[in-house]
Structure formats: structure tokens, C-alpha cells
Amino acid sequence: MRRSLLALVLCAALIGVGAAPAAASTRVPADGAFAVAITGAPDLRPLPGERCLATVPVTLTFEGTLDGAAPGTIRIAVDAPCDQAFTVPPGTFADVFLFSGDFTGTVAGEPVEARLLYTGVTRVGGEVRGLMGLSGDADGLLRVEATAGAGGTYSGSVRV
């Protein structure tokens, strides 16, 4: 229940991400893939109920309609104590997460800079379902299917 509530709050935050589109903007279908690369050591903090909150610097790298990178920080609430949560492969324990970063690259060939938020739920076994929101030169909400710690695919539409 607690995980569902947190995911709902994070998704609601994403919906409010978009800025008003410019008059000359165009909505384009968006799909492609992304990879996750850890770029620093995690900061681990114990949470009540034998859980762990990790803050980790990462970079998301995109190909497809989005082509570029988004360095930022991911905060992960893992359903395991900190002494266990990050000594096993990603996806061993369930978690909820929120990534926040700045995307620089192209969307459908147009150069853009946009704030990127990515939130989701990881199930035991590593299956991730989530949403990505872009706000800036490009605005949109994308559905995500991924594997914990590796990356995955995105689909939806983006206004550029």
C-alpha cells in the first residue's frame, strides 16, 4: 500500500511537469530505448520498516526519437535494509524510484534541452514500469518498460 501511494504521488508530480507549449510546436510520436549508467557511489540512508533510501548519480542515454543524454540523480526506496539492498543485483528487491536530470540532445531531429523526470516501480525480479516526463524545449509524457539497473524502452508523444 505504501509503495502504491508513493508511486501515485510521484506520477502526479510528473503530470504537472509540462510547461505551456509554444504556438509553433508540433506533437510527434516518440519511441526508442535508453540505458542507465551509474556515475558515482550511492548514498544510503535507513528508512523505517527495514527499508533503505539510496541517492545515486546516474546518466540516462537515449536513442530513437530522443537522442542524447540526461545526467542526474536517482532516489530509490528499496524494500530491504541498507546492508542488503545494494549487495545484490538490481531488481532483487522491490523498490520505487524517482530520477531527476537535464536532457540535452535532439527530439525527432530538433535540438532540445529539457528537464526530465522518470518515476516507476520495480518488482522483485527486476521488471520496471514507469513514466518519463519532459519539460522545456520539448514537453511530453512517455511510458517506460525497463529492467532494473539496465534501461529499457519508452513510447508516447512529445511536443517540440
C-alpha atoms as a PDB file:
ATOM      1  CA  MET A   1       0.000   0.000   0.000  1.00  0.00           C
ATOM      2  CA  ARG A   2       2.770   2.415   0.950  1.00  0.00           C
ATOM      3  CA  ARG A   3       4.608   1.709  -2.339  1.00  0.00           C
ATOM      4  CA  SER A   4       1.428   2.275  -4.386  1.00  0.00           C
ATOM      5  CA  LEU A   5       0.782   5.589  -2.644  1.00  0.00           C
ATOM      6  CA  LEU A   6       4.367   6.766  -3.248  1.00  0.00           C
ATOM      7  CA  ALA A   7       4.191   5.772  -6.925  1.00  0.00           C
ATOM      8  CA  LEU A   8       0.879   7.642  -7.263  1.00  0.00           C
ATOM      9  CA  VAL A   9       2.360  10.797  -5.707  1.00  0.00           C
ATOM     10  CA  LEU A  10       5.415  10.602  -7.979  1.00  0.00           C
ATOM     11  CA  CYS A  11       3.248  10.107 -11.079  1.00  0.00           C
ATOM     12  CA  ALA A  12       1.089  13.084 -10.106  1.00  0.00           C
ATOM     13  CA  ALA A  13       4.262  15.181  -9.861  1.00  0.00           C
ATOM     14  CA  LEU A  14       5.189  14.149 -13.400  1.00  0.00           C
ATOM     15  CA  ILE A  15       1.842  15.199 -14.817  1.00  0.00           C
ATOM     16  CA  GLY A  16       2.459  18.720 -13.519  1.00  0.00           C
ATOM     17  CA  VAL A  17       5.891  18.872 -15.188  1.00  0.00           C
ATOM     18  CA  GLY A  18       4.871  20.170 -18.622  1.00  0.00           C
ATOM     19  CA  ALA A  19       5.105  23.853 -19.417  1.00  0.00           C
ATOM     20  CA  ALA A  20       2.700  25.523 -21.809  1.00  0.00           C
ATOM     21  CA  PRO A  21       3.709  24.604 -25.368  1.00  0.00           C
ATOM     22  CA  ALA A  22       4.871  27.270 -27.790  1.00  0.00           C
ATOM     23  CA  ALA A  23       2.423  28.244 -30.539  1.00  0.00           C
ATOM     24  CA  ALA A  24       4.626  26.777 -33.310  1.00  0.00           C
ATOM     25  CA  SER A  25       5.213  23.424 -31.574  1.00  0.00           C
ATOM     26  CA  THR A  26       4.415  20.040 -33.105  1.00  0.00           C
ATOM     27  CA  ARG A  27       3.439  16.820 -31.347  1.00  0.00           C
ATOM     28  CA  VAL A  28       5.434  13.815 -32.610  1.00  0.00           C
ATOM     29  CA  PRO A  29       5.173  10.128 -31.741  1.00  0.00           C
ATOM     30  CA  ALA A  30       8.150   9.065 -29.646  1.00  0.00           C
ATOM     31  CA  ASP A  31       9.684   5.656 -29.136  1.00  0.00           C
ATOM     32  CA  GLY A  32      13.125   4.244 -28.574  1.00  0.00           C
ATOM     33  CA  ALA A  33      15.446   2.862 -25.949  1.00  0.00           C
ATOM     34  CA  PHE A  34      17.543   4.157 -23.086  1.00  0.00           C
ATOM     35  CA  ALA A  35      20.398   2.854 -20.951  1.00  0.00           C
ATOM     36  CA  VAL A  36      21.249   3.614 -17.326  1.00  0.00           C
ATOM     37  CA  ALA A  37      24.865   4.180 -16.228  1.00  0.00           C
ATOM     38  CA  ILE A  38      25.829   4.691 -12.577  1.00  0.00           C
ATOM     39  CA  THR A  39      28.302   7.564 -12.370  1.00  0.00           C
ATOM     40  CA  GLY A  40      29.104   7.637  -8.643  1.00  0.00           C
ATOM     41  CA  ALA A  41      28.734   5.889  -5.312  1.00  0.00           C
ATOM     42  CA  PRO A  42      25.301   5.581  -3.690  1.00  0.00           C
ATOM     43  CA  ASP A  43      24.465   7.487  -0.515  1.00  0.00           C
ATOM     44  CA  LEU A  44      22.454   5.066   1.652  1.00  0.00           C
ATOM     45  CA  ARG A  45      20.046   6.075   4.446  1.00  0.00           C
ATOM     46  CA  PRO A  46      17.993   3.641   6.516  1.00  0.00           C
ATOM     47  CA  LEU A  47      14.210   4.090   6.387  1.00  0.00           C
ATOM     48  CA  PRO A  48      11.632   2.836   8.880  1.00  0.00           C
ATOM     49  CA  GLY A  49      10.384  -0.700   8.309  1.00  0.00           C
ATOM     50  CA  GLU A  50      13.722  -2.261   7.282  1.00  0.00           C
ATOM     51  CA  ARG A  51      13.896  -0.203   4.073  1.00  0.00           C
ATOM     52  CA  CYS A  52      16.689   1.819   2.500  1.00  0.00           C
ATOM     53  CA  LEU A  53      16.774   5.132   0.636  1.00  0.00           C
ATOM     54  CA  ALA A  54      19.616   5.428  -1.875  1.00  0.00           C
ATOM     55  CA  THR A  55      20.630   8.568  -3.740  1.00  0.00           C
ATOM     56  CA  VAL A  56      22.770   7.694  -6.759  1.00  0.00           C
ATOM     57  CA  PRO A  57      24.254   9.849  -9.548  1.00  0.00           C
ATOM     58  CA  VAL A  58      23.376   8.295 -12.931  1.00  0.00           C
ATOM     59  CA  THR A  59      23.185   9.193 -16.593  1.00  0.00           C
ATOM     60  CA  LEU A  60      20.368   8.062 -18.871  1.00  0.00           C
ATOM     61  CA  THR A  61      21.430   7.747 -22.526  1.00  0.00           C
ATOM     62  CA  PHE A  62      18.713   7.749 -25.211  1.00  0.00           C
ATOM     63  CA  GLU A  63      18.365   6.555 -28.789  1.00  0.00           C
ATOM     64  CA  GLY A  64      15.350   6.674 -31.069  1.00  0.00           C
ATOM     65  CA  THR A  65      13.079   9.716 -31.213  1.00  0.00           C
ATOM     66  CA  LEU A  66      15.032  11.072 -28.245  1.00  0.00           C
ATOM     67  CA  ASP A  67      18.768  11.062 -28.940  1.00  0.00           C
ATOM     68  CA  GLY A  68      21.025  12.378 -26.203  1.00  0.00           C
ATOM     69  CA  ALA A  69      21.775  12.096 -22.513  1.00  0.00           C
ATOM     70  CA  ALA A  70      20.343  13.148 -19.167  1.00  0.00           C
ATOM     71  CA  PRO A  71      22.795  13.226 -16.267  1.00  0.00           C
ATOM     72  CA  GLY A  72      21.083  13.450 -12.897  1.00  0.00           C
ATOM     73  CA  THR A  73      20.244  11.756  -9.635  1.00  0.00           C
ATOM     74  CA  ILE A  74      18.005   8.814  -8.853  1.00  0.00           C
ATOM     75  CA  ARG A  75      16.448   8.313  -5.420  1.00  0.00           C
ATOM     76  CA  ILE A  76      15.422   4.724  -4.745  1.00  0.00           C
ATOM     77  CA  ALA A  77      13.351   3.466  -1.786  1.00  0.00           C
ATOM     78  CA  VAL A  78      14.233  -0.249  -1.598  1.00  0.00           C
ATOM     79  CA  ASP A  79      12.255  -2.870   0.328  1.00  0.00           C
ATOM     80  CA  ALA A  80      15.373  -4.130   2.116  1.00  0.00           C
ATOM     81  CA  PRO A  81      17.799  -2.940   4.814  1.00  0.00           C
ATOM     82  CA  CYS A  82      20.728  -0.866   3.521  1.00  0.00           C
ATOM     83  CA  ASP A  83      23.256  -3.593   4.382  1.00  0.00           C
ATOM     84  CA  GLN A  84      21.461  -5.895   1.904  1.00  0.00           C
ATOM     85  CA  ALA A  85      19.851  -3.583  -0.665  1.00  0.00           C
ATOM     86  CA  PHE A  86      22.954  -2.888  -2.763  1.00  0.00           C
ATOM     87  CA  THR A  87      24.997  -6.053  -2.227  1.00  0.00           C
ATOM     88  CA  VAL A  88      22.798  -7.959  -4.713  1.00  0.00           C
ATOM     89  CA  PRO A  89      21.864  -7.343  -8.378  1.00  0.00           C
ATOM     90  CA  PRO A  90      19.311  -4.575  -9.128  1.00  0.00           C
ATOM     91  CA  GLY A  91      15.763  -5.920  -9.010  1.00  0.00           C
ATOM     92  CA  THR A  92      16.435  -8.472  -6.278  1.00  0.00           C
ATOM     93  CA  PHE A  93      14.165  -6.420  -4.019  1.00  0.00           C
ATOM     94  CA  ALA A  94      11.124  -4.322  -4.946  1.00  0.00           C
ATOM     95  CA  ASP A  95      11.536  -0.543  -4.977  1.00  0.00           C
ATOM     96  CA  VAL A  96      10.067   2.782  -6.067  1.00  0.00           C
ATOM     97  CA  PHE A  97      12.264   5.469  -7.588  1.00  0.00           C
ATOM     98  CA  LEU A  98      12.455   8.994  -8.959  1.00  0.00           C
ATOM     99  CA  PHE A  99      15.138  10.195 -11.369  1.00  0.00           C
ATOM    100  CA  SER A 100      15.629  13.913 -11.937  1.00  0.00           C
ATOM    101  CA  GLY A 101      18.009  15.290 -14.552  1.00  0.00           C
ATOM    102  CA  ASP A 102      18.509  17.519 -17.574  1.00  0.00           C
ATOM    103  CA  PHE A 103      18.169  16.059 -21.070  1.00  0.00           C
ATOM    104  CA  THR A 104      20.343  17.534 -23.809  1.00  0.00           C
ATOM    105  CA  GLY A 105      20.121  16.213 -27.347  1.00  0.00           C
ATOM    106  CA  THR A 106      17.508  16.011 -30.065  1.00  0.00           C
ATOM    107  CA  VAL A 107      13.845  15.041 -30.269  1.00  0.00           C
ATOM    108  CA  ALA A 108      12.795  13.997 -33.771  1.00  0.00           C
ATOM    109  CA  GLY A 109      15.953  15.704 -35.058  1.00  0.00           C
ATOM    110  CA  GLU A 110      15.248  19.039 -33.319  1.00  0.00           C
ATOM    111  CA  PRO A 111      17.875  20.226 -30.773  1.00  0.00           C
ATOM    112  CA  VAL A 112      16.370  20.487 -27.277  1.00  0.00           C
ATOM    113  CA  GLU A 113      17.153  20.961 -23.628  1.00  0.00           C
ATOM    114  CA  ALA A 114      14.541  19.756 -21.171  1.00  0.00           C
ATOM    115  CA  ARG A 115      14.082  18.794 -17.545  1.00  0.00           C
ATOM    116  CA  LEU A 116      13.487  15.041 -17.329  1.00  0.00           C
ATOM    117  CA  LEU A 117      11.718  13.232 -14.503  1.00  0.00           C
ATOM    118  CA  TYR A 118      11.420   9.445 -14.513  1.00  0.00           C
ATOM    119  CA  THR A 119       9.485   7.584 -11.844  1.00  0.00           C
ATOM    120  CA  GLY A 120       8.497   3.986 -11.518  1.00  0.00           C
ATOM    121  CA  VAL A 121       8.084   0.786  -9.584  1.00  0.00           C
ATOM    122  CA  THR A 122      10.486  -2.157  -9.705  1.00  0.00           C
ATOM    123  CA  ARG A 123       9.055  -5.591  -8.979  1.00  0.00           C
ATOM    124  CA  VAL A 124      11.059  -8.421  -7.462  1.00  0.00           C
ATOM    125  CA  GLY A 125      12.891  -9.929 -10.422  1.00  0.00           C
ATOM    126  CA  GLY A 126      13.746  -6.537 -11.952  1.00  0.00           C
ATOM    127  CA  GLU A 127      10.709  -5.668 -14.104  1.00  0.00           C
ATOM    128  CA  VAL A 128      10.219  -1.881 -14.152  1.00  0.00           C
ATOM    129  CA  ARG A 129       7.113   0.051 -15.186  1.00  0.00           C
ATOM    130  CA  GLY A 130       7.243   3.815 -15.134  1.00  0.00           C
ATOM    131  CA  LEU A 131       6.658   7.223 -16.649  1.00  0.00           C
ATOM    132  CA  MET A 132       9.053   9.849 -18.002  1.00  0.00           C
ATOM    133  CA  GLY A 133       8.119  13.490 -18.227  1.00  0.00           C
ATOM    134  CA  LEU A 134       9.938  16.136 -20.278  1.00  0.00           C
ATOM    135  CA  SER A 135       9.571  19.868 -19.735  1.00  0.00           C
ATOM    136  CA  GLY A 136      11.408  22.624 -21.598  1.00  0.00           C
ATOM    137  CA  ASP A 137      12.168  22.842 -25.319  1.00  0.00           C
ATOM    138  CA  ALA A 138      10.302  19.513 -25.502  1.00  0.00           C
ATOM    139  CA  ASP A 139       7.251  18.550 -23.434  1.00  0.00           C
ATOM    140  CA  GLY A 140       5.770  15.109 -23.135  1.00  0.00           C
ATOM    141  CA  LEU A 141       4.852  12.084 -21.078  1.00  0.00           C
ATOM    142  CA  LEU A 142       6.304   8.697 -22.012  1.00  0.00           C
ATOM    143  CA  ARG A 143       5.506   5.160 -20.848  1.00  0.00           C
ATOM    144  CA  VAL A 144       8.509   3.071 -19.836  1.00  0.00           C
ATOM    145  CA  GLU A 145       9.166  -0.663 -19.682  1.00  0.00           C
ATOM    146  CA  ALA A 146      12.622  -1.493 -18.375  1.00  0.00           C
ATOM    147  CA  THR A 147      14.912  -3.798 -16.446  1.00  0.00           C
ATOM    148  CA  ALA A 148      16.259  -2.573 -13.105  1.00  0.00           C
ATOM    149  CA  GLY A 149      19.715  -1.043 -13.398  1.00  0.00           C
ATOM    150  CA  ALA A 150      19.965  -1.534 -17.169  1.00  0.00           C
ATOM    151  CA  GLY A 151      17.409   0.582 -19.036  1.00  0.00           C
ATOM    152  CA  GLY A 152      14.595  -0.230 -21.408  1.00  0.00           C
ATOM    153  CA  THR A 153      12.173   1.257 -23.894  1.00  0.00           C
ATOM    154  CA  TYR A 154       9.958   4.350 -23.974  1.00  0.00           C
ATOM    155  CA  SER A 155       6.888   5.263 -26.007  1.00  0.00           C
ATOM    156  CA  GLY A 156       4.385   8.091 -26.167  1.00  0.00           C
ATOM    157  CA  SER A 157       4.442  11.525 -27.736  1.00  0.00           C
ATOM    158  CA  VAL A 158       6.452  14.703 -27.326  1.00  0.00           C
ATOM    159  CA  ARG A 159       5.715  18.289 -28.313  1.00  0.00           C
ATOM    160  CA  VAL A 160       8.725  20.084 -29.854  1.00  0.00           C
END
